[in-house]
PDB file of N, CA and C in Angstrom:
ATOM      1  N   MET A   1       0.852  -1.172   0.000  1.00  0.00           N
ATOM      2  CA  MET A   1       0.000   0.000   0.000  1.00  0.00           C
ATOM      3  C   MET A   1       0.898   1.236   0.000  1.00  0.00           C
ATOM      4  N   ASP A   2       0.654   2.117  -0.924  1.00  0.00           N
ATOM      5  CA  ASP A   2       1.431   3.344  -1.032  1.00  0.00           C
ATOM      6  C   ASP A   2       0.731   4.425  -0.201  1.00  0.00           C
ATOM      7  N   THR A   3       1.334   4.806   0.920  1.00  0.00           N
ATOM      8  CA  THR A   3       0.699   5.767   1.821  1.00  0.00           C
ATOM      9  C   THR A   3       0.903   7.211   1.395  1.00  0.00           C
ATOM     10  N   VAL A   4       1.531   7.425   0.250  1.00  0.00           N
ATOM     11  CA  VAL A   4       1.724   8.786  -0.257  1.00  0.00           C
ATOM     12  C   VAL A   4       0.372   9.453  -0.507  1.00  0.00           C
ATOM     13  N   ILE A   5      -0.646   8.670  -0.843  1.00  0.00           N
ATOM     14  CA  ILE A   5      -1.967   9.243  -1.097  1.00  0.00           C
ATOM     15  C   ILE A   5      -2.562   9.865   0.157  1.00  0.00           C
ATOM     16  N   PHE A   6      -2.138   9.396   1.324  1.00  0.00           N
ATOM     17  CA  PHE A   6      -2.651   9.955   2.570  1.00  0.00           C
ATOM     18  C   PHE A   6      -1.812  11.117   3.085  1.00  0.00           C
ATOM     19  N   SER A   7      -0.495  11.031   2.889  1.00  0.00           N
ATOM     20  CA  SER A   7       0.394  12.023   3.500  1.00  0.00           C
ATOM     21  C   SER A   7       0.992  13.015   2.521  1.00  0.00           C
ATOM     22  N   GLY A   8       1.134  12.613   1.273  1.00  0.00           N
ATOM     23  CA  GLY A   8       1.796  13.461   0.298  1.00  0.00           C
ATOM     24  C   GLY A   8       3.313  13.469   0.469  1.00  0.00           C
ATOM     25  N   ARG A   9       3.830  12.550   1.262  1.00  0.00           N
ATOM     26  CA  ARG A   9       5.263  12.503   1.548  1.00  0.00           C
ATOM     27  C   ARG A   9       5.862  11.183   1.085  1.00  0.00           C
ATOM     28  N   VAL A  10       7.088  11.265   0.588  1.00  0.00           N
ATOM     29  CA  VAL A  10       7.812  10.092   0.116  1.00  0.00           C
ATOM     30  C   VAL A  10       9.152  10.056   0.825  1.00  0.00           C
ATOM     31  N   SER A  11       9.509   8.901   1.360  1.00  0.00           N
ATOM     32  CA  SER A  11      10.824   8.786   1.991  1.00  0.00           C
ATOM     33  C   SER A  11      11.897   8.779   0.908  1.00  0.00           C
ATOM     34  N   LYS A  12      13.119   9.059   1.320  1.00  0.00           N
ATOM     35  CA  LYS A  12      14.221   9.089   0.365  1.00  0.00           C
ATOM     36  C   LYS A  12      14.423   7.712  -0.262  1.00  0.00           C
ATOM     37  N   THR A  13      14.278   6.670   0.530  1.00  0.00           N
ATOM     38  CA  THR A  13      14.421   5.311   0.020  1.00  0.00           C
ATOM     39  C   THR A  13      13.380   5.007  -1.046  1.00  0.00           C
ATOM     40  N   GLU A  14      12.110   5.352  -0.761  1.00  0.00           N
ATOM     41  CA  GLU A  14      11.055   5.137  -1.739  1.00  0.00           C
ATOM     42  C   GLU A  14      11.278   5.980  -2.990  1.00  0.00           C
ATOM     43  N   MET A  15      11.719   7.193  -2.786  1.00  0.00           N
ATOM     44  CA  MET A  15      11.938   8.096  -3.915  1.00  0.00           C
ATOM     45  C   MET A  15      13.041   7.564  -4.822  1.00  0.00           C
ATOM     46  N   LEU A  16      14.113   7.059  -4.234  1.00  0.00           N
ATOM     47  CA  LEU A  16      15.196   6.496  -5.039  1.00  0.00           C
ATOM     48  C   LEU A  16      14.760   5.235  -5.771  1.00  0.00           C
ATOM     49  N   HIS A  17      13.892   4.467  -5.155  1.00  0.00           N
ATOM     50  CA  HIS A  17      13.445   3.209  -5.748  1.00  0.00           C
ATOM     51  C   HIS A  17      12.356   3.406  -6.796  1.00  0.00           C
ATOM     52  N   GLU A  18      11.374   4.253  -6.512  1.00  0.00           N
ATOM     53  CA  GLU A  18      10.209   4.377  -7.376  1.00  0.00           C
ATOM     54  C   GLU A  18      10.172   5.635  -8.232  1.00  0.00           C
ATOM     55  N   ARG A  19      10.860   6.674  -7.813  1.00  0.00           N
ATOM     56  CA  ARG A  19      10.801   7.957  -8.524  1.00  0.00           C
ATOM     57  C   ARG A  19      12.207   8.494  -8.769  1.00  0.00           C
ATOM     58  N   ARG A  20      13.048   7.634  -9.292  1.00  0.00           N
ATOM     59  CA  ARG A  20      14.466   7.960  -9.445  1.00  0.00           C
ATOM     60  C   ARG A  20      14.693   9.169 -10.360  1.00  0.00           C
ATOM     61  N   ARG A  21      13.982   9.269 -11.475  1.00  0.00           N
ATOM     62  CA  ARG A  21      14.198  10.385 -12.406  1.00  0.00           C
ATOM     63  C   ARG A  21      13.832  11.715 -11.763  1.00  0.00           C
ATOM     64  N   TRP A  22      12.753  11.730 -10.992  1.00  0.00           N
ATOM     65  CA  TRP A  22      12.355  12.963 -10.303  1.00  0.00           C
ATOM     66  C   TRP A  22      13.433  13.372  -9.303  1.00  0.00           C
ATOM     67  N   TYR A  23      13.925  12.388  -8.539  1.00  0.00           N
ATOM     68  CA  TYR A  23      14.990  12.650  -7.566  1.00  0.00           C
ATOM     69  C   TYR A  23      16.233  13.217  -8.263  1.00  0.00           C
ATOM     70  N   ASP A  24      16.623  12.599  -9.364  1.00  0.00           N
ATOM     71  CA  ASP A  24      17.806  13.069 -10.099  1.00  0.00           C
ATOM     72  C   ASP A  24      17.612  14.488 -10.619  1.00  0.00           C
ATOM     73  N   ARG A  25      16.404  14.805 -11.100  1.00  0.00           N
ATOM     74  CA  ARG A  25      16.141  16.172 -11.574  1.00  0.00           C
ATOM     75  C   ARG A  25      16.221  17.175 -10.436  1.00  0.00           C
ATOM     76  N   LEU A  26      15.696  16.817  -9.263  1.00  0.00           N
ATOM     77  CA  LEU A  26      15.763  17.722  -8.114  1.00  0.00           C
ATOM     78  C   LEU A  26      17.201  17.942  -7.659  1.00  0.00           C
ATOM     79  N   VAL A  27      17.994  16.876  -7.642  1.00  0.00           N
ATOM     80  CA  VAL A  27      19.399  17.003  -7.246  1.00  0.00           C
ATOM     81  C   VAL A  27      20.152  17.860  -8.254  1.00  0.00           C
ATOM     82  N   LYS A  28      19.917  17.603  -9.532  1.00  0.00           N
ATOM     83  CA  LYS A  28      20.616  18.339 -10.586  1.00  0.00           C
ATOM     84  C   LYS A  28      20.277  19.829 -10.561  1.00  0.00           C
ATOM     85  N   SER A  29      19.003  20.153 -10.268  1.00  0.00           N
ATOM     86  CA  SER A  29      18.593  21.559 -10.241  1.00  0.00           C
ATOM     87  C   SER A  29      18.896  22.228  -8.898  1.00  0.00           C
ATOM     88  N   GLY A  30      19.280  21.439  -7.894  1.00  0.00           N
ATOM     89  CA  GLY A  30      19.596  21.993  -6.578  1.00  0.00           C
ATOM     90  C   GLY A  30      18.373  22.315  -5.746  1.00  0.00           C
ATOM     91  N   LYS A  31      17.229  21.755  -6.092  1.00  0.00           N
ATOM     92  CA  LYS A  31      15.982  22.046  -5.385  1.00  0.00           C
ATOM     93  C   LYS A  31      15.547  20.942  -4.418  1.00  0.00           C
ATOM     94  N   LEU A  32      16.381  19.964  -4.210  1.00  0.00           N
ATOM     95  CA  LEU A  32      16.002  18.857  -3.333  1.00  0.00           C
ATOM     96  C   LEU A  32      15.708  19.335  -1.915  1.00  0.00           C
ATOM     97  N   ASP A  33      16.527  20.239  -1.392  1.00  0.00           N
ATOM     98  CA  ASP A  33      16.329  20.726  -0.024  1.00  0.00           C
ATOM     99  C   ASP A  33      15.046  21.535   0.128  1.00  0.00           C
ATOM    100  N   ASP A  34      14.535  22.107  -0.955  1.00  0.00           N
ATOM    101  CA  ASP A  34      13.268  22.844  -0.892  1.00  0.00           C
ATOM    102  C   ASP A  34      12.089  21.920  -0.606  1.00  0.00           C
ATOM    103  N   PHE A  35      12.220  20.652  -0.983  1.00  0.00           N
ATOM    104  CA  PHE A  35      11.133  19.687  -0.819  1.00  0.00           C
ATOM    105  C   PHE A  35      11.305  18.807   0.409  1.00  0.00           C
ATOM    106  N   ARG A  36      12.420  18.928   1.085  1.00  0.00           N
ATOM    107  CA  ARG A  36      12.706  18.079   2.236  1.00  0.00           C
ATOM    108  C   ARG A  36      11.928  18.577   3.456  1.00  0.00           C
ATOM    109  N   VAL A  37      11.228  17.671   4.132  1.00  0.00           N
ATOM    110  CA  VAL A  37      10.477  17.998   5.353  1.00  0.00           C
ATOM    111  C   VAL A  37      10.789  16.951   6.414  1.00  0.00           C
ATOM    112  N   LYS A  38      10.563  17.316   7.640  1.00  0.00           N
ATOM    113  CA  LYS A  38      10.736  16.370   8.742  1.00  0.00           C
ATOM    114  C   LYS A  38       9.602  15.364   8.669  1.00  0.00           C
ATOM    115  N   ASP A  39       9.920  14.099   8.841  1.00  0.00           N
ATOM    116  CA  ASP A  39       8.912  13.053   8.720  1.00  0.00           C
ATOM    117  C   ASP A  39       8.156  12.866  10.029  1.00  0.00           C
ATOM    118  N   GLU A  40       7.105  13.620  10.172  1.00  0.00           N
ATOM    119  CA  GLU A  40       6.218  13.456  11.332  1.00  0.00           C
ATOM    120  C   GLU A  40       5.124  12.455  11.015  1.00  0.00           C
ATOM    121  N   TRP A  41       5.076  12.016   9.780  1.00  0.00           N
ATOM    122  CA  TRP A  41       4.027  11.117   9.318  1.00  0.00           C
ATOM    123  C   TRP A  41       4.295   9.678   9.741  1.00  0.00           C
ATOM    124  N   PHE A  42       5.526   9.335  10.083  1.00  0.00           N
ATOM    125  CA  PHE A  42       5.906   7.953  10.352  1.00  0.00           C
ATOM    126  C   PHE A  42       5.013   7.299  11.397  1.00  0.00           C
ATOM    127  N   GLN A  43       4.653   8.027  12.435  1.00  0.00           N
ATOM    128  CA  GLN A  43       3.830   7.440  13.498  1.00  0.00           C
ATOM    129  C   GLN A  43       2.411   7.140  13.036  1.00  0.00           C
ATOM    130  N   TRP A  44       1.944   7.807  11.990  1.00  0.00           N
ATOM    131  CA  TRP A  44       0.587   7.592  11.485  1.00  0.00           C
ATOM    132  C   TRP A  44       0.541   6.625  10.304  1.00  0.00           C
ATOM    133  N   LYS A  45       1.690   6.239   9.809  1.00  0.00           N
ATOM    134  CA  LYS A  45       1.763   5.435   8.597  1.00  0.00           C
ATOM    135  C   LYS A  45       1.053   4.083   8.760  1.00  0.00           C
ATOM    136  N   ASN A  46       1.261   3.416   9.873  1.00  0.00           N
ATOM    137  CA  ASN A  46       0.618   2.120  10.095  1.00  0.00           C
ATOM    138  C   ASN A  46      -0.893   2.251  10.213  1.00  0.00           C
ATOM    139  N   ILE A  47      -1.351   3.323  10.829  1.00  0.00           N
ATOM    140  CA  ILE A  47      -2.797   3.546  10.940  1.00  0.00           C
ATOM    141  C   ILE A  47      -3.405   3.768   9.562  1.00  0.00           C
ATOM    142  N   ALA A  48      -2.757   4.575   8.745  1.00  0.00           N
ATOM    143  CA  ALA A  48      -3.249   4.829   7.385  1.00  0.00           C
ATOM    144  C   ALA A  48      -3.232   3.549   6.561  1.00  0.00           C
ATOM    145  N   ARG A  49      -2.197   2.753   6.715  1.00  0.00           N
ATOM    146  CA  ARG A  49      -2.108   1.491   5.976  1.00  0.00           C
ATOM    147  C   ARG A  49      -3.228   0.543   6.401  1.00  0.00           C
ATOM    148  N   THR A  50      -3.519   0.488   7.695  1.00  0.00           N
ATOM    149  CA  THR A  50      -4.600  -0.362   8.195  1.00  0.00           C
ATOM    150  C   THR A  50      -5.932   0.063   7.612  1.00  0.00           C
ATOM    151  N   PHE A  51      -6.221   1.357   7.637  1.00  0.00           N
ATOM    152  CA  PHE A  51      -7.472   1.840   7.062  1.00  0.00           C
ATOM    153  C   PHE A  51      -7.524   1.592   5.558  1.00  0.00           C
ATOM    154  N   GLY A  52      -6.404   1.734   4.878  1.00  0.00           N
ATOM    155  CA  GLY A  52      -6.359   1.474   3.445  1.00  0.00           C
ATOM    156  C   GLY A  52      -6.725   0.040   3.127  1.00  0.00           C
ATOM    157  N   TYR A  53      -6.137  -0.912   3.843  1.00  0.00           N
ATOM    158  CA  TYR A  53      -6.458  -2.321   3.617  1.00  0.00           C
ATOM    159  C   TYR A  53      -7.905  -2.630   4.023  1.00  0.00           C
ATOM    160  N   LEU A  54      -8.373  -1.996   5.089  1.00  0.00           N
ATOM    161  CA  LEU A  54      -9.756  -2.195   5.517  1.00  0.00           C
ATOM    162  C   LEU A  54     -10.735  -1.746   4.426  1.00  0.00           C
ATOM    163  N   PHE A  55     -10.513  -0.575   3.871  1.00  0.00           N
ATOM    164  CA  PHE A  55     -11.404  -0.073   2.829  1.00  0.00           C
ATOM    165  C   PHE A  55     -11.265  -0.864   1.531  1.00  0.00           C
ATOM    166  N   PHE A  56     -10.061  -1.350   1.232  1.00  0.00           N
ATOM    167  CA  PHE A  56      -9.878  -2.210   0.069  1.00  0.00           C
ATOM    168  C   PHE A  56     -10.669  -3.505   0.236  1.00  0.00           C
ATOM    169  N   GLY A  57     -10.590  -4.102   1.423  1.00  0.00           N
ATOM    170  CA  GLY A  57     -11.357  -5.318   1.707  1.00  0.00           C
ATOM    171  C   GLY A  57     -12.850  -5.072   1.633  1.00  0.00           C
ATOM    172  N   LEU A  58     -13.291  -3.932   2.155  1.00  0.00           N
ATOM    173  CA  LEU A  58     -14.710  -3.585   2.086  1.00  0.00           C
ATOM    174  C   LEU A  58     -15.151  -3.456   0.629  1.00  0.00           C
ATOM    175  N   GLY A  59     -14.312  -2.865  -0.202  1.00  0.00           N
ATOM    176  CA  GLY A  59     -14.625  -2.747  -1.623  1.00  0.00           C
ATOM    177  C   GLY A  59     -14.766  -4.110  -2.280  1.00  0.00           C
ATOM    178  N   LEU A  60     -13.894  -5.043  -1.930  1.00  0.00           N
ATOM    179  CA  LEU A  60     -13.983  -6.396  -2.491  1.00  0.00           C
ATOM    180  C   LEU A  60     -15.261  -7.101  -2.052  1.00  0.00           C
ATOM    181  N   VAL A  61     -15.630  -6.928  -0.785  1.00  0.00           N
ATOM    182  CA  VAL A  61     -16.878  -7.529  -0.288  1.00  0.00           C
ATOM    183  C   VAL A  61     -18.072  -6.934  -1.018  1.00  0.00           C
ATOM    184  N   LEU A  62     -18.109  -5.628  -1.179  1.00  0.00           N
ATOM    185  CA  LEU A  62     -19.218  -4.994  -1.896  1.00  0.00           C
ATOM    186  C   LEU A  62     -19.268  -5.446  -3.352  1.00  0.00           C
ATOM    187  N   LEU A  63     -18.107  -5.599  -3.984  1.00  0.00           N
ATOM    188  CA  LEU A  63     -18.067  -6.090  -5.355  1.00  0.00           C
ATOM    189  C   LEU A  63     -18.634  -7.507  -5.436  1.00  0.00           C
ATOM    190  N   ALA A  64     -18.256  -8.353  -4.493  1.00  0.00           N
ATOM    191  CA  ALA A  64     -18.773  -9.725  -4.465  1.00  0.00           C
ATOM    192  C   ALA A  64     -20.290  -9.720  -4.277  1.00  0.00           C
ATOM    193  N   LEU A  65     -20.801  -8.856  -3.412  1.00  0.00           N
ATOM    194  CA  LEU A  65     -22.247  -8.785  -3.201  1.00  0.00           C
ATOM    195  C   LEU A  65     -22.977  -8.286  -4.452  1.00  0.00           C
ATOM    196  N   ILE A  66     -22.389  -7.357  -5.166  1.00  0.00           N
ATOM    197  CA  ILE A  66     -22.996  -6.858  -6.408  1.00  0.00           C
ATOM    198  C   ILE A  66     -23.048  -7.971  -7.451  1.00  0.00           C
ATOM    199  N   VAL A  67     -21.953  -8.701  -7.587  1.00  0.00           N
ATOM    200  CA  VAL A  67     -21.923  -9.805  -8.547  1.00  0.00           C
ATOM    201  C   VAL A  67     -22.933 -10.869  -8.150  1.00  0.00           C
ATOM    202  N   TYR A  68     -23.017 -11.185  -6.868  1.00  0.00           N
ATOM    203  CA  TYR A  68     -23.995 -12.166  -6.382  1.00  0.00           C
ATOM    204  C   TYR A  68     -25.419 -11.706  -6.685  1.00  0.00           C
ATOM    205  N   ALA A  69     -25.711 -10.444  -6.446  1.00  0.00           N
ATOM    206  CA  ALA A  69     -27.052  -9.921  -6.712  1.00  0.00           C
ATOM    207  C   ALA A  69     -27.379  -9.992  -8.211  1.00  0.00           C
ATOM    208  N   MET A  70     -26.403  -9.693  -9.052  1.00  0.00           N
ATOM    209  CA  MET A  70     -26.635  -9.751 -10.495  1.00  0.00           C
ATOM    210  C   MET A  70     -26.876 -11.175 -10.966  1.00  0.00           C
ATOM    211  N   ILE A  71     -26.102 -12.114 -10.455  1.00  0.00           N
ATOM    212  CA  ILE A  71     -26.263 -13.522 -10.853  1.00  0.00           C
ATOM    213  C   ILE A  71     -27.574 -14.075 -10.348  1.00  0.00           C
ATOM    214  N   SER A  72     -27.924 -13.779  -9.106  1.00  0.00           N
ATOM    215  CA  SER A  72     -29.190 -14.290  -8.562  1.00  0.00           C
ATOM    216  C   SER A  72     -30.387 -13.674  -9.287  1.00  0.00           C
ATOM    217  N   ARG A  73     -30.258 -12.469  -9.771  1.00  0.00           N
ATOM    218  CA  ARG A  73     -31.340 -11.817 -10.533  1.00  0.00           C
ATOM    219  C   ARG A  73     -31.511 -12.487 -11.894  1.00  0.00           C
ATOM    220  N   LEU A  74     -30.397 -12.901 -12.506  1.00  0.00           N
ATOM    221  CA  LEU A  74     -30.468 -13.562 -13.812  1.00  0.00           C
ATOM    222  C   LEU A  74     -31.046 -14.962 -13.719  1.00  0.00           C
ATOM    223  N   VAL A  75     -30.804 -15.645 -12.609  1.00  0.00           N
ATOM    224  CA  VAL A  75     -31.287 -17.012 -12.425  1.00  0.00           C
ATOM    225  C   VAL A  75     -32.802 -17.039 -12.241  1.00  0.00           C
ATOM    226  N   HIS A  76     -33.346 -16.074 -11.577  1.00  0.00           N
ATOM    227  CA  HIS A  76     -34.800 -16.051 -11.321  1.00  0.00           C
ATOM    228  C   HIS A  76     -35.488 -15.507 -12.486  1.00  0.00           C
TER     229      HIS A  76
END
């Protein structure tokens, strides 16, 4: 689960792994320090991840119920 959608923050490790070209452009232009912030989000990351998986699971259950309702409607 990518928690960037909740916080808008990317760790340096994630940035190097997933957004390498963006990181290289920031380093080359000298603007990397303008985007650097203290990571206060770390303590909330697990909570956001838990809610993300919970809502994903809820979506799957609702999808299964919709498919079940459609199939049962076709059978009758």
